[in-house]
Amino acid sequence: MDELIETIYELTIVMERILKEGAFEEFEELLNHRSALMIRVDEWKQEVTDFQYSSKALEMLSNILTVDQQITPLVEKKLTEIKAQLNQLKKQKQVSKQYTPYSKQTNGVFLDSKR
């Protein structure tokens, strides 16, 4: 059990570093992997009656929580920035469509539709 929690702790530390570097795809992969490990820990806890964490595991869990609390605002900030960028791109696309002149072309000759 301690090995699983130690792996989760190590993944959390790597996730923090990767998030600060801006490698979001790798961050997501590690997040999914960590989530799977957490599910394994929960399943193992349910199978064992009178389960108790070791002192080492409790210390690592406390450290994981601390790092998670530091990561959460960073993730929320990046998510807000990305949403703003997406909205800006949508607006630019709409403006581009509205102000791009549409002209009919037939056999290399442009026709004016105001005749």
N, C-alpha and C. Protein backbone atom coordinates (compact mmCIF):
# COMPACT_ATOMS: atom_id res chain seq x y z
N MET A 1 0.83 -1.20 0.00
CA MET A 1 0.00 0.00 0.00
C MET A 1 0.87 1.25 0.00
N ASP A 2 1.92 1.24 0.83
CA ASP A 2 2.80 2.40 0.89
C ASP A 2 3.45 2.69 -0.46
N GLU A 3 3.71 1.62 -1.22
CA GLU A 3 4.33 1.80 -2.55
C GLU A 3 3.38 2.55 -3.48
N LEU A 4 2.10 2.21 -3.43
CA LEU A 4 1.12 2.91 -4.27
C LEU A 4 1.03 4.38 -3.89
N ILE A 5 0.99 4.65 -2.61
CA ILE A 5 0.89 6.04 -2.16
C ILE A 5 2.16 6.80 -2.50
N GLU A 6 3.30 6.14 -2.40
CA GLU A 6 4.56 6.79 -2.77
C GLU A 6 4.58 7.11 -4.26
N THR A 7 4.06 6.20 -5.09
CA THR A 7 3.96 6.45 -6.53
C THR A 7 3.04 7.62 -6.81
N ILE A 8 1.92 7.68 -6.11
CA ILE A 8 0.99 8.80 -6.27
C ILE A 8 1.68 10.12 -5.88
N TYR A 9 2.44 10.09 -4.80
CA TYR A 9 3.17 11.28 -4.37
C TYR A 9 4.18 11.73 -5.43
N GLU A 10 4.94 10.79 -5.96
CA GLU A 10 5.94 11.12 -6.98
C GLU A 10 5.27 11.68 -8.24
N LEU A 11 4.14 11.08 -8.63
CA LEU A 11 3.40 11.58 -9.79
C LEU A 11 2.91 13.01 -9.55
N THR A 12 2.47 13.28 -8.34
CA THR A 12 1.97 14.61 -8.01
C THR A 12 3.08 15.65 -8.12
N ILE A 13 4.27 15.31 -7.66
CA ILE A 13 5.41 16.22 -7.74
C ILE A 13 5.77 16.48 -9.21
N VAL A 14 5.78 15.43 -10.02
CA VAL A 14 6.08 15.57 -11.45
C VAL A 14 5.00 16.39 -12.14
N MET A 15 3.74 16.17 -11.75
CA MET A 15 2.64 16.93 -12.34
C MET A 15 2.80 18.42 -12.09
N GLU A 16 3.23 18.79 -10.89
CA GLU A 16 3.42 20.20 -10.58
C GLU A 16 4.50 20.81 -11.48
N ARG A 17 5.59 20.09 -11.65
CA ARG A 17 6.69 20.59 -12.49
C ARG A 17 6.24 20.73 -13.94
N ILE A 18 5.54 19.73 -14.44
CA ILE A 18 5.09 19.72 -15.83
C ILE A 18 4.06 20.83 -16.07
N LEU A 19 3.20 21.06 -15.11
CA LEU A 19 2.21 22.13 -15.26
C LEU A 19 2.89 23.49 -15.37
N LYS A 20 3.92 23.70 -14.57
CA LYS A 20 4.65 24.96 -14.62
C LYS A 20 5.40 25.12 -15.94
N GLU A 21 5.79 24.00 -16.56
CA GLU A 21 6.46 24.04 -17.86
C GLU A 21 5.46 24.27 -19.00
N GLY A 22 4.19 23.96 -18.75
CA GLY A 22 3.17 24.19 -19.76
C GLY A 22 2.90 22.99 -20.66
N ALA A 23 3.33 21.81 -20.27
CA ALA A 23 3.09 20.59 -21.06
C ALA A 23 1.76 19.99 -20.61
N PHE A 24 0.67 20.54 -21.16
CA PHE A 24 -0.67 20.19 -20.68
C PHE A 24 -1.09 18.78 -21.05
N GLU A 25 -0.67 18.28 -22.21
CA GLU A 25 -1.06 16.92 -22.60
C GLU A 25 -0.41 15.89 -21.68
N GLU A 26 0.87 16.10 -21.37
CA GLU A 26 1.56 15.20 -20.45
C GLU A 26 0.96 15.31 -19.05
N PHE A 27 0.58 16.52 -18.66
CA PHE A 27 -0.06 16.72 -17.36
C PHE A 27 -1.35 15.91 -17.28
N GLU A 28 -2.13 15.94 -18.35
CA GLU A 28 -3.40 15.20 -18.36
C GLU A 28 -3.16 13.70 -18.27
N GLU A 29 -2.15 13.20 -18.97
CA GLU A 29 -1.84 11.77 -18.90
C GLU A 29 -1.46 11.36 -17.48
N LEU A 30 -0.62 12.17 -16.85
CA LEU A 30 -0.22 11.86 -15.47
C LEU A 30 -1.40 11.96 -14.52
N LEU A 31 -2.27 12.91 -14.75
CA LEU A 31 -3.46 13.06 -13.91
C LEU A 31 -4.35 11.82 -14.01
N ASN A 32 -4.53 11.32 -15.23
CA ASN A 32 -5.34 10.10 -15.42
C ASN A 32 -4.68 8.90 -14.76
N HIS A 33 -3.35 8.80 -14.89
CA HIS A 33 -2.62 7.68 -14.29
C HIS A 33 -2.74 7.74 -12.76
N ARG A 34 -2.57 8.93 -12.20
CA ARG A 34 -2.68 9.10 -10.75
C ARG A 34 -4.09 8.76 -10.27
N SER A 35 -5.08 9.15 -11.05
CA SER A 35 -6.46 8.85 -10.68
C SER A 35 -6.70 7.34 -10.63
N ALA A 36 -6.13 6.62 -11.60
CA ALA A 36 -6.27 5.16 -11.62
C ALA A 36 -5.61 4.55 -10.38
N LEU A 37 -4.46 5.07 -9.99
CA LEU A 37 -3.78 4.56 -8.79
C LEU A 37 -4.59 4.85 -7.54
N MET A 38 -5.23 6.01 -7.50
CA MET A 38 -6.06 6.35 -6.34
C MET A 38 -7.25 5.41 -6.22
N ILE A 39 -7.80 5.05 -7.37
CA ILE A 39 -8.92 4.10 -7.36
C ILE A 39 -8.46 2.75 -6.83
N ARG A 40 -7.25 2.32 -7.22
CA ARG A 40 -6.70 1.05 -6.71
C ARG A 40 -6.53 1.11 -5.19
N VAL A 41 -6.07 2.24 -4.67
CA VAL A 41 -5.91 2.39 -3.22
C VAL A 41 -7.27 2.29 -2.53
N ASP A 42 -8.28 2.96 -3.09
CA ASP A 42 -9.63 2.90 -2.50
C ASP A 42 -10.18 1.49 -2.50
N GLU A 43 -9.97 0.77 -3.61
CA GLU A 43 -10.45 -0.61 -3.69
C GLU A 43 -9.75 -1.48 -2.65
N TRP A 44 -8.45 -1.28 -2.50
CA TRP A 44 -7.69 -2.07 -1.54
C TRP A 44 -8.15 -1.78 -0.12
N LYS A 45 -8.45 -0.51 0.18
CA LYS A 45 -8.94 -0.14 1.51
C LYS A 45 -10.26 -0.82 1.82
N GLN A 46 -11.12 -0.97 0.81
CA GLN A 46 -12.43 -1.59 1.03
C GLN A 46 -12.30 -3.09 1.26
N GLU A 47 -11.28 -3.71 0.66
CA GLU A 47 -11.10 -5.15 0.81
C GLU A 47 -10.55 -5.52 2.19
N VAL A 48 -9.74 -4.64 2.75
CA VAL A 48 -9.09 -4.93 4.03
C VAL A 48 -9.96 -4.38 5.17
N THR A 49 -10.30 -5.26 6.10
CA THR A 49 -11.08 -4.81 7.24
C THR A 49 -10.15 -4.14 8.26
N ASP A 50 -10.63 -3.17 8.95
CA ASP A 50 -9.87 -2.40 9.95
C ASP A 50 -8.60 -1.81 9.34
N PHE A 51 -8.73 -1.22 8.18
CA PHE A 51 -7.57 -0.65 7.49
C PHE A 51 -7.12 0.63 8.18
N GLN A 52 -5.79 0.79 8.28
CA GLN A 52 -5.22 2.02 8.81
C GLN A 52 -3.96 2.33 8.01
N TYR A 53 -3.79 3.61 7.69
CA TYR A 53 -2.58 4.03 6.99
C TYR A 53 -1.39 4.00 7.94
N SER A 54 -0.22 3.73 7.38
CA SER A 54 1.00 3.83 8.18
C SER A 54 1.34 5.30 8.37
N SER A 55 2.24 5.59 9.30
CA SER A 55 2.62 6.99 9.53
C SER A 55 3.31 7.57 8.30
N LYS A 56 4.08 6.75 7.61
CA LYS A 56 4.75 7.20 6.38
C LYS A 56 3.71 7.55 5.31
N ALA A 57 2.70 6.70 5.17
CA ALA A 57 1.65 6.95 4.19
C ALA A 57 0.86 8.20 4.53
N LEU A 58 0.57 8.42 5.80
CA LEU A 58 -0.15 9.62 6.22
C LEU A 58 0.65 10.88 5.92
N GLU A 59 1.95 10.82 6.12
CA GLU A 59 2.81 11.97 5.82
C GLU A 59 2.81 12.26 4.32
N MET A 60 2.92 11.19 3.50
CA MET A 60 2.90 11.38 2.05
C MET A 60 1.55 11.92 1.58
N LEU A 61 0.46 11.43 2.16
CA LEU A 61 -0.87 11.92 1.80
C LEU A 61 -1.01 13.39 2.15
N SER A 62 -0.46 13.79 3.27
CA SER A 62 -0.48 15.20 3.65
C SER A 62 0.30 16.05 2.65
N ASN A 63 1.45 15.55 2.23
CA ASN A 63 2.26 16.27 1.23
C ASN A 63 1.54 16.34 -0.12
N ILE A 64 0.87 15.25 -0.48
CA ILE A 64 0.11 15.22 -1.74
C ILE A 64 -0.98 16.28 -1.70
N LEU A 65 -1.68 16.37 -0.58
CA LEU A 65 -2.74 17.37 -0.43
C LEU A 65 -2.19 18.78 -0.55
N THR A 66 -1.04 19.03 0.05
CA THR A 66 -0.42 20.35 -0.02
C THR A 66 -0.07 20.72 -1.46
N VAL A 67 0.54 19.78 -2.18
CA VAL A 67 0.92 20.04 -3.57
C VAL A 67 -0.33 20.22 -4.42
N ASP A 68 -1.35 19.41 -4.19
CA ASP A 68 -2.61 19.55 -4.93
C ASP A 68 -3.23 20.93 -4.73
N GLN A 69 -3.15 21.44 -3.51
CA GLN A 69 -3.70 22.76 -3.22
C GLN A 69 -2.91 23.85 -3.93
N GLN A 70 -1.63 23.59 -4.20
CA GLN A 70 -0.82 24.55 -4.94
C GLN A 70 -1.10 24.44 -6.44
N ILE A 71 -1.38 23.24 -6.92
CA ILE A 71 -1.62 23.00 -8.34
C ILE A 71 -2.98 23.54 -8.78
N THR A 72 -3.99 23.38 -7.94
CA THR A 72 -5.36 23.73 -8.31
C THR A 72 -5.50 25.16 -8.83
N PRO A 73 -4.97 26.18 -8.16
CA PRO A 73 -5.10 27.54 -8.71
C PRO A 73 -4.39 27.70 -10.05
N LEU A 74 -3.26 27.01 -10.23
CA LEU A 74 -2.55 27.08 -11.51
C LEU A 74 -3.39 26.51 -12.64
N VAL A 75 -4.03 25.37 -12.37
CA VAL A 75 -4.87 24.73 -13.39
C VAL A 75 -6.06 25.63 -13.71
N GLU A 76 -6.69 26.19 -12.69
CA GLU A 76 -7.84 27.07 -12.92
C GLU A 76 -7.44 28.31 -13.70
N LYS A 77 -6.27 28.86 -13.40
CA LYS A 77 -5.78 30.04 -14.12
C LYS A 77 -5.55 29.72 -15.59
N LYS A 78 -4.89 28.59 -15.86
CA LYS A 78 -4.62 28.19 -17.24
C LYS A 78 -5.92 27.92 -17.98
N LEU A 79 -6.87 27.30 -17.31
CA LEU A 79 -8.17 27.01 -17.94
C LEU A 79 -8.89 28.30 -18.30
N THR A 80 -8.85 29.28 -17.41
CA THR A 80 -9.47 30.57 -17.68
C THR A 80 -8.81 31.26 -18.87
N GLU A 81 -7.47 31.20 -18.92
CA GLU A 81 -6.74 31.80 -20.04
C GLU A 81 -7.11 31.14 -21.36
N ILE A 82 -7.19 29.83 -21.36
CA ILE A 82 -7.52 29.10 -22.59
C ILE A 82 -8.94 29.41 -23.04
N LYS A 83 -9.87 29.50 -22.09
CA LYS A 83 -11.26 29.85 -22.44
C LYS A 83 -11.31 31.25 -23.06
N ALA A 84 -10.56 32.18 -22.50
CA ALA A 84 -10.53 33.54 -23.05
C ALA A 84 -9.95 33.54 -24.46
N GLN A 85 -8.91 32.76 -24.68
CA GLN A 85 -8.31 32.67 -26.01
C GLN A 85 -9.29 32.07 -27.02
N LEU A 86 -10.03 31.05 -26.60
CA LEU A 86 -11.02 30.44 -27.48
C LEU A 86 -12.12 31.43 -27.84
N ASN A 87 -12.59 32.18 -26.87
CA ASN A 87 -13.61 33.19 -27.14
C ASN A 87 -13.09 34.25 -28.10
N GLN A 88 -11.85 34.66 -27.92
CA GLN A 88 -11.24 35.65 -28.81
C GLN A 88 -11.15 35.11 -30.24
N LEU A 89 -10.75 33.84 -30.36
CA LEU A 89 -10.67 33.23 -31.69
C LEU A 89 -12.05 33.15 -32.36
N LYS A 90 -13.08 32.82 -31.59
CA LYS A 90 -14.43 32.76 -32.13
C LYS A 90 -14.88 34.12 -32.64
N LYS A 91 -14.58 35.16 -31.85
CA LYS A 91 -14.95 36.52 -32.26
C LYS A 91 -14.21 36.93 -33.53
N GLN A 92 -12.93 36.60 -33.60
CA GLN A 92 -12.15 36.94 -34.78
C GLN A 92 -12.69 36.21 -36.01
N LYS A 93 -13.11 34.99 -35.84
CA LYS A 93 -13.66 34.23 -36.95
C LYS A 93 -14.97 34.85 -37.43
N GLN A 94 -15.82 35.24 -36.48
CA GLN A 94 -17.09 35.87 -36.85
C GLN A 94 -16.86 37.19 -37.57
N VAL A 95 -15.95 38.00 -37.08
CA VAL A 95 -15.65 39.28 -37.71
C VAL A 95 -15.07 39.05 -39.10
N SER A 96 -14.21 38.08 -39.20
CA SER A 96 -13.59 37.78 -40.49
C SER A 96 -14.64 37.36 -41.52
N LYS A 97 -15.61 36.57 -41.09
CA LYS A 97 -16.67 36.13 -42.00
C LYS A 97 -17.56 37.31 -42.42
N GLN A 98 -17.83 38.24 -41.51
CA GLN A 98 -18.72 39.35 -41.81
C GLN A 98 -18.08 40.38 -42.71
N TYR A 99 -16.80 40.60 -42.58
CA TYR A 99 -16.16 41.66 -43.34
C TYR A 99 -15.36 41.19 -44.54
N THR A 100 -15.32 39.90 -44.77
CA THR A 100 -14.64 39.41 -45.96
C THR A 100 -15.58 39.60 -47.14
N PRO A 101 -15.14 40.36 -48.13
CA PRO A 101 -16.03 40.59 -49.28
C PRO A 101 -16.26 39.30 -50.07
N TYR A 102 -17.50 39.12 -50.42
CA TYR A 102 -17.85 37.95 -51.21
C TYR A 102 -18.04 38.41 -52.65
N SER A 103 -17.35 37.81 -53.54
CA SER A 103 -17.50 38.17 -54.95
C SER A 103 -17.71 36.91 -55.77
N LYS A 104 -18.57 37.03 -56.77
CA LYS A 104 -18.84 35.91 -57.66
C LYS A 104 -17.82 35.92 -58.79
N GLN A 105 -17.39 34.74 -59.14
CA GLN A 105 -16.43 34.65 -60.22
C GLN A 105 -16.91 33.60 -61.20
N THR A 106 -16.91 33.98 -62.49
CA THR A 106 -17.29 33.04 -63.54
C THR A 106 -16.26 33.12 -64.65
N ASN A 107 -15.67 32.04 -64.94
CA ASN A 107 -14.67 31.95 -66.02
C ASN A 107 -13.60 33.03 -65.93
N GLY A 108 -13.13 33.31 -64.72
CA GLY A 108 -12.07 34.29 -64.56
C GLY A 108 -12.54 35.73 -64.58
N VAL A 109 -13.85 35.97 -64.66
CA VAL A 109 -14.38 37.33 -64.69
C VAL A 109 -15.19 37.54 -63.42
N PHE A 110 -14.96 38.65 -62.75
CA PHE A 110 -15.73 38.98 -61.56
C PHE A 110 -17.00 39.72 -61.96
N LEU A 111 -18.13 39.33 -61.38
CA LEU A 111 -19.40 39.98 -61.67
C LEU A 111 -19.85 40.79 -60.47
N ASP A 112 -20.28 42.00 -60.72
CA ASP A 112 -20.81 42.85 -59.66
C ASP A 112 -22.29 42.57 -59.52
N SER A 113 -22.75 42.28 -58.34
CA SER A 113 -24.15 41.92 -58.17
C SER A 113 -25.06 43.13 -58.01
N LYS A 114 -24.56 44.37 -58.10
CA LYS A 114 -25.38 45.56 -57.94
C LYS A 114 -25.97 46.07 -59.25
N ARG A 115 -25.88 45.42 -60.29
CA ARG A 115 -26.37 45.91 -61.59
C ARG A 115 -27.80 46.21 -61.57
